[in-house]
C-alpha atoms as a PDB file:
ATOM      1  CA  ALA A   1     -15.416 -47.327 -13.982  1.00  0.00           C
ATOM      2  CA  ALA A   2     -16.060 -43.768 -14.977  1.00  0.00           C
ATOM      3  CA  PRO A   3     -12.982 -41.612 -15.529  1.00  0.00           C
ATOM      4  CA  THR A   4     -12.261 -39.149 -12.767  1.00  0.00           C
ATOM      5  CA  THR A   5     -11.701 -35.512 -13.485  1.00  0.00           C
ATOM      6  CA  ALA A   6     -10.061 -32.890 -11.371  1.00  0.00           C
ATOM      7  CA  ALA A   7     -12.404 -30.273 -10.044  1.00  0.00           C
ATOM      8  CA  THR A   8     -11.663 -26.779 -11.205  1.00  0.00           C
ATOM      9  CA  THR A   9     -12.610 -23.636  -9.429  1.00  0.00           C
ATOM     10  CA  THR A  10     -12.648 -20.156 -10.737  1.00  0.00           C
ATOM     11  CA  THR A  11     -12.393 -17.043  -8.688  1.00  0.00           C
ATOM     12  CA  ALA A  12     -14.319 -14.018  -9.757  1.00  0.00           C
ATOM     13  CA  ALA A  13     -12.334 -10.861 -10.297  1.00  0.00           C
ATOM     14  CA  PRO A  14     -12.512  -8.516  -7.325  1.00  0.00           C
ATOM     15  CA  ALA A  15     -15.156  -5.840  -7.531  1.00  0.00           C
ATOM     16  CA  PRO A  16     -13.895  -2.399  -8.475  1.00  0.00           C
ATOM     17  CA  VAL A  17     -13.088  -0.191  -5.522  1.00  0.00           C
ATOM     18  CA  THR A  18     -15.705   2.454  -4.908  1.00  0.00           C
ATOM     19  CA  PRO A  19     -14.067   5.838  -4.374  1.00  0.00           C
ATOM     20  CA  LEU A  20     -14.519   7.159  -0.853  1.00  0.00           C
ATOM     21  CA  VAL A  21     -15.129  10.867  -1.233  1.00  0.00           C
ATOM     22  CA  PRO A  22     -16.497  12.799   1.741  1.00  0.00           C
ATOM     23  CA  ASP A  23     -19.034  15.440   0.725  1.00  0.00           C
ATOM     24  CA  HIS A  24     -16.778  18.270   1.914  1.00  0.00           C
ATOM     25  CA  GLN A  25     -13.752  17.112  -0.049  1.00  0.00           C
ATOM     26  CA  GLU A  26     -12.872  18.460  -3.472  1.00  0.00           C
ATOM     27  CA  THR A  27     -12.229  15.759  -6.059  1.00  0.00           C
ATOM     28  CA  GLU A  28     -10.377  17.841  -8.626  1.00  0.00           C
ATOM     29  CA  ALA A  29      -6.633  17.384  -8.839  1.00  0.00           C
ATOM     30  CA  LYS A  30      -4.497  20.387  -7.978  1.00  0.00           C
ATOM     31  CA  ASP A  31      -1.114  20.506  -9.680  1.00  0.00           C
ATOM     32  CA  GLY A  32      -1.726  16.938 -10.855  1.00  0.00           C
ATOM     33  CA  ILE A  33      -2.201  15.615  -7.299  1.00  0.00           C
ATOM     34  CA  PRO A  34      -5.617  13.930  -6.940  1.00  0.00           C
ATOM     35  CA  ASN A  35      -7.845  14.731  -3.974  1.00  0.00           C
ATOM     36  CA  GLU A  36      -9.919  11.548  -4.222  1.00  0.00           C
ATOM     37  CA  PRO A  37      -8.341   8.947  -1.874  1.00  0.00           C
ATOM     38  CA  VAL A  38      -8.176   5.929  -4.220  1.00  0.00           C
ATOM     39  CA  ALA A  39      -6.813   8.066  -7.058  1.00  0.00           C
ATOM     40  CA  TYR A  40      -4.298   9.595  -4.634  1.00  0.00           C
ATOM     41  CA  ILE A  41      -3.074   6.166  -3.495  1.00  0.00           C
ATOM     42  CA  ASN A  42      -2.642   5.118  -7.122  1.00  0.00           C
ATOM     43  CA  TYR A  43      -0.809   8.377  -7.863  1.00  0.00           C
ATOM     44  CA  PHE A  44       1.459   8.057  -4.800  1.00  0.00           C
ATOM     45  CA  ILE A  45       2.454   4.413  -5.370  1.00  0.00           C
ATOM     46  CA  HIS A  46       3.354   5.226  -8.962  1.00  0.00           C
ATOM     47  CA  GLN A  47       5.368   8.315  -7.994  1.00  0.00           C
ATOM     48  CA  HIS A  48       7.536   6.304  -5.588  1.00  0.00           C
ATOM     49  CA  ALA A  49       8.913   2.805  -6.178  1.00  0.00           C
ATOM     50  CA  CYS A  50       8.616   1.664  -2.552  1.00  0.00           C
ATOM     51  CA  VAL A  51       5.886   3.105  -0.364  1.00  0.00           C
ATOM     52  CA  GLY A  52       4.672   2.648   3.177  1.00  0.00           C
ATOM     53  CA  PHE A  53       1.471   4.077   4.602  1.00  0.00           C
ATOM     54  CA  GLY A  54       1.321   4.183   8.382  1.00  0.00           C
ATOM     55  CA  ALA A  55       1.206   6.369  11.472  1.00  0.00           C
ATOM     56  CA  THR A  56       3.683   8.093  13.759  1.00  0.00           C
ATOM     57  CA  TRP A  57       2.545   5.983  16.744  1.00  0.00           C
ATOM     58  CA  CYS A  58       2.952   2.653  14.881  1.00  0.00           C
ATOM     59  CA  GLU A  59       5.822   0.505  16.208  1.00  0.00           C
ATOM     60  CA  ALA A  60       5.462  -1.971  13.323  1.00  0.00           C
ATOM     61  CA  CYS A  61       5.904   0.966  10.934  1.00  0.00           C
ATOM     62  CA  GLU A  62       9.177   1.947  12.609  1.00  0.00           C
ATOM     63  CA  TRP A  63      10.372  -1.666  12.506  1.00  0.00           C
ATOM     64  CA  THR A  64       9.528  -1.878   8.792  1.00  0.00           C
ATOM     65  CA  LYS A  65      11.383   1.365   8.014  1.00  0.00           C
ATOM     66  CA  GLU A  66      14.439   0.098   9.909  1.00  0.00           C
ATOM     67  CA  THR A  67      14.344  -3.346   8.284  1.00  0.00           C
ATOM     68  CA  VAL A  68      14.144  -1.900   4.773  1.00  0.00           C
ATOM     69  CA  ALA A  69      16.949   0.564   5.595  1.00  0.00           C
ATOM     70  CA  ASP A  70      19.089  -2.247   7.078  1.00  0.00           C
ATOM     71  CA  VAL A  71      19.172  -4.000   3.689  1.00  0.00           C
ATOM     72  CA  GLY A  72      19.941  -0.706   1.930  1.00  0.00           C
ATOM     73  CA  GLY A  73      16.402  -0.034   0.757  1.00  0.00           C
ATOM     74  CA  LYS A  74      14.633   3.281   0.400  1.00  0.00           C
ATOM     75  CA  LEU A  75      11.005   3.435   1.509  1.00  0.00           C
ATOM     76  CA  THR A  76       8.904   6.568   1.006  1.00  0.00           C
ATOM     77  CA  PHE A  77       6.648   6.618   4.053  1.00  0.00           C
ATOM     78  CA  LEU A  78       3.440   8.613   4.445  1.00  0.00           C
ATOM     79  CA  GLU A  79       2.313   9.123   8.052  1.00  0.00           C
ATOM     80  CA  LEU A  80      -1.475   9.179   7.741  1.00  0.00           C
ATOM     81  CA  ASP A  81      -2.189  10.370  11.285  1.00  0.00           C
ATOM     82  CA  THR A  82      -0.501  13.702  10.541  1.00  0.00           C
ATOM     83  CA  LYS A  83      -1.504  14.158   6.874  1.00  0.00           C
ATOM     84  CA  VAL A  84      -4.068  16.892   6.384  1.00  0.00           C
ATOM     85  CA  ALA A  85      -6.041  17.650   3.238  1.00  0.00           C
ATOM     86  CA  GLY A  86      -4.498  20.151   0.880  1.00  0.00           C
ATOM     87  CA  GLU A  87      -1.948  18.356  -1.242  1.00  0.00           C
ATOM     88  CA  GLY A  88      -4.179  15.340  -1.748  1.00  0.00           C
ATOM     89  CA  PRO A  89      -6.783  13.998   0.683  1.00  0.00           C
ATOM     90  CA  ALA A  90      -6.502  13.831   4.470  1.00  0.00           C
ATOM     91  CA  GLY A  91      -4.876  10.802   6.080  1.00  0.00           C
ATOM     92  CA  ASP A  92      -8.088   9.345   7.515  1.00  0.00           C
ATOM     93  CA  ALA A  93      -9.650   9.243   4.040  1.00  0.00           C
ATOM     94  CA  ILE A  94      -6.515   7.567   2.633  1.00  0.00           C
ATOM     95  CA  SER A  95      -6.568   5.045   5.487  1.00  0.00           C
ATOM     96  CA  ALA A  96     -10.208   4.154   4.792  1.00  0.00           C
ATOM     97  CA  ALA A  97      -9.440   3.764   1.083  1.00  0.00           C
ATOM     98  CA  LEU A  98      -6.444   1.508   1.834  1.00  0.00           C
ATOM     99  CA  THR A  99      -8.695  -0.740   3.934  1.00  0.00           C
ATOM    100  CA  SER A 100     -11.191  -0.890   1.077  1.00  0.00           C
ATOM    101  CA  ILE A 101      -8.506  -1.698  -1.507  1.00  0.00           C
ATOM    102  CA  THR A 102      -6.433  -4.200   0.474  1.00  0.00           C
ATOM    103  CA  GLY A 103      -8.967  -5.693   2.864  1.00  0.00           C
ATOM    104  CA  SER A 104      -6.566  -4.928   5.714  1.00  0.00           C
ATOM    105  CA  ASN A 105      -6.851  -2.167   8.279  1.00  0.00           C
ATOM    106  CA  SER A 106      -3.404  -2.693   9.782  1.00  0.00           C
ATOM    107  CA  TYR A 107      -0.358  -0.488   9.506  1.00  0.00           C
ATOM    108  CA  PRO A 108       1.966  -0.344   7.764  1.00  0.00           C
ATOM    109  CA  SER A 109       0.553  -0.857   4.295  1.00  0.00           C
ATOM    110  CA  ILE A 110       3.581  -1.605   2.111  1.00  0.00           C
ATOM    111  CA  TRP A 111       3.613  -1.234  -1.677  1.00  0.00           C
ATOM    112  CA  ILE A 112       6.656  -2.171  -3.749  1.00  0.00           C
ATOM    113  CA  GLY A 113       6.851  -1.615  -7.478  1.00  0.00           C
ATOM    114  CA  GLY A 114       3.228  -0.438  -7.531  1.00  0.00           C
ATOM    115  CA  LYS A 115       1.949  -3.664  -5.932  1.00  0.00           C
ATOM    116  CA  TYR A 116       0.510  -4.226  -2.480  1.00  0.00           C
ATOM    117  CA  ILE A 117       2.888  -6.410  -0.463  1.00  0.00           C
ATOM    118  CA  GLY A 118       1.211  -6.423   2.938  1.00  0.00           C
ATOM    119  CA  SER A 119       2.128  -5.297   6.423  1.00  0.00           C
ATOM    120  CA  SER A 120       5.233  -5.705   8.576  1.00  0.00           C
ATOM    121  CA  ASP A 121       4.610  -9.453   8.926  1.00  0.00           C
ATOM    122  CA  LYS A 122       5.037  -9.891   5.172  1.00  0.00           C
ATOM    123  CA  ILE A 123       8.226  -7.792   5.221  1.00  0.00           C
ATOM    124  CA  ALA A 124       9.508 -10.010   8.067  1.00  0.00           C
ATOM    125  CA  ASP A 125       8.711 -13.148   6.037  1.00  0.00           C
ATOM    126  CA  LEU A 126      10.459 -11.778   2.939  1.00  0.00           C
ATOM    127  CA  ASP A 127      13.474 -10.725   4.994  1.00  0.00           C
ATOM    128  CA  ALA A 128      13.736 -14.104   6.762  1.00  0.00           C
ATOM    129  CA  ALA A 129      13.529 -15.900   3.410  1.00  0.00           C
ATOM    130  CA  GLY A 130      16.277 -13.689   1.949  1.00  0.00           C
ATOM    131  CA  LYS A 131      13.873 -12.273  -0.658  1.00  0.00           C
ATOM    132  CA  LEU A 132      13.440  -8.699   0.568  1.00  0.00           C
ATOM    133  CA  THR A 133      16.626  -7.356  -1.013  1.00  0.00           C
ATOM    134  CA  ASP A 134      15.792  -8.904  -4.397  1.00  0.00           C
ATOM    135  CA  LEU A 135      12.265  -7.486  -4.313  1.00  0.00           C
ATOM    136  CA  LEU A 136      13.516  -4.007  -3.431  1.00  0.00           C
ATOM    137  CA  GLN A 137      16.234  -4.183  -6.069  1.00  0.00           C
ATOM    138  CA  ALA A 138      13.792  -5.289  -8.789  1.00  0.00           C
ATOM    139  CA  ALA A 139      11.596  -2.287  -7.969  1.00  0.00           C
ATOM    140  CA  GLY A 140      14.536   0.138  -7.973  1.00  0.00           C
ATOM    141  CA  CYS A 141      14.441   0.795  -4.232  1.00  0.00           C
ATOM    142  CA  LEU A 142      18.063  -0.024  -3.399  1.00  0.00           C
END
């Protein structure tokens, strides 16, 4: 009988994210704050250890803020529905870029230690498993 071998699969690296820059939007950074949405997201998640992107009307965003606070965590939250262009891009451009980067168009978009974690469902899973505090602590968010 011929020897059997395990099948291996390889996954191609994700394609680079194409910057989403509306024609009317300046791309030059002012005071070191990028105006291009993808660059701004990268800048923002590296300026703050624990970040949430969401909207003022989002109940899951409020729940996430409360859950992180309940374990002693600090989450820097950017409300995209009220963010206007000026110091970085407008909120709608950031939202579109987040969807492009993460593949998810749901709020909140949570980033801890510079890495995309997911939405409120992922925070709920981490909290239920007793892992949220450790993750926040490792990122310096407690």
